[in-house]
Amino acid sequence: MKLILHWFSSAAALLAVAHLYSGVTVTNLGGALVAAAVLGVLNLVVRPVLVALTLPVTVVTLGLFLFVINALMFWAAARLVPGLRVSGFEAALVGSLLYAVLHLLIDFVLERLLFNH
C-alpha cells in the first residue's frame, strides 16, 4: 500500500512541478504515473552507480554534484517517457529540485494523515 501511495505522490509532485515551472511539461496523469515509475527505477538502479563513479567530484564539491546527478536522472526520465518533457539541462536541474521538495512535502503530509492517527 505504501509503495502505491509513494508512486501516486511522485506523480502528483511531477504534475505540480509542471504546473509551477514552465521548463517542465507533463501531458496528463498517465504520463506523470509512467514518468514517476521511470524516475523511481532510474533512481534505484542508475543513480547509485553514478554516485559511486563520481564520488571524488562529489567530495570535492562538498556534495553539490549530487544535484547534477539528480538533474541527469530527471533529464533521462524525460528522454525515456513521451509524457514528460524538459526544455534543457537547466530546466532539469530546477525541475529536479522542485520535484524533490514537493515530493518530500507530499509524502510528509500523507504519512501524517494516513499512518499516524
Foldseek 3Di string as FASTA:
>chain_A
DVVVVLLLLLLVLLVVLVVVDVQKAFQDSVLSSQLSVQLVVCCVPVLVVVCVVCVVVCVVVVNPCSLQSLLVSQCVSCVVGVRMGGNDSVSSSVSSVSSVVSSVVSSVVCCCVPPPD
